[in-house]
Each structure stands twice: as structure tokens, then as C-alpha cells.
């Protein structure tokens, strides 16, 4: 389904993923990414075990801060440690882990619904 006609071009939509990167709003990004509705940042994380509050600071410090963080864990979903989940909740952010493919699709759907969403997705 082509959702581009219903979403403003200023928003960061994921057009594709794989081969170690992502196509976001027509631009190829190599490696893992942090995606906010209006900008995409390179993310140094390479595995789910590397995800920490410190490397999620661009999400936590975003204005407006997202209410939902979609966490793409790579080829398969990995649980989020309770301490990290609780710390994000303390900032008003609910984290939803899933595999990176599902994270791309879920982020796009939530964004088109107008939800306050961001994504942290590990490249596959």
C-alpha cells in the first residue's frame, strides 16, 4: 500500500530496509538509525544487547518527546531489560520491542495515524 499521498513530505517514512541500512524518505541510511517524525539520525548500536538509555538520548531529549518508542532489535525480537523499560517510562516513553522489519512497518503505521512515535532500529 502506498501511503505517501496521505503523509506530509516533511515526515520521515521508511521506504525499505535490508543490506545493512534503510531507505527513509527517499534517502539511503547505512547502519542502524534513530527516527523521529521529522529527522533521522545515525545510531551506533549493532545488537539489542547494546541498547542503553545513554544511546537513546536523542529520543529522550526530543521536542516534542515521543510517547512510543518502537525498538527494532535486528533479525529477531529481544526483551527490553526492566531497568531500561522503567527508565524510559520515567520519561513518559513506552518502549515496544520487535524485529527490525516489524519495527519499520509499525513505525510507518503509527506515524500515519498521527501518533507521537519514534523508532530506534538496528540494521539487518
Foldseek 3Di string as FASTA:
>chain_A
DDPVVLDDLQFWAWPDAAPQWTQTSNDTDHWWWKGFGRDIDHAPDAAQVPDDPVSCVCQLPDVVRAQEEEEAGEQFWDDDDPVRQVVCVVSNHHYDTTHQVVSNVVQNVCVSVVHRYMYTHGHD
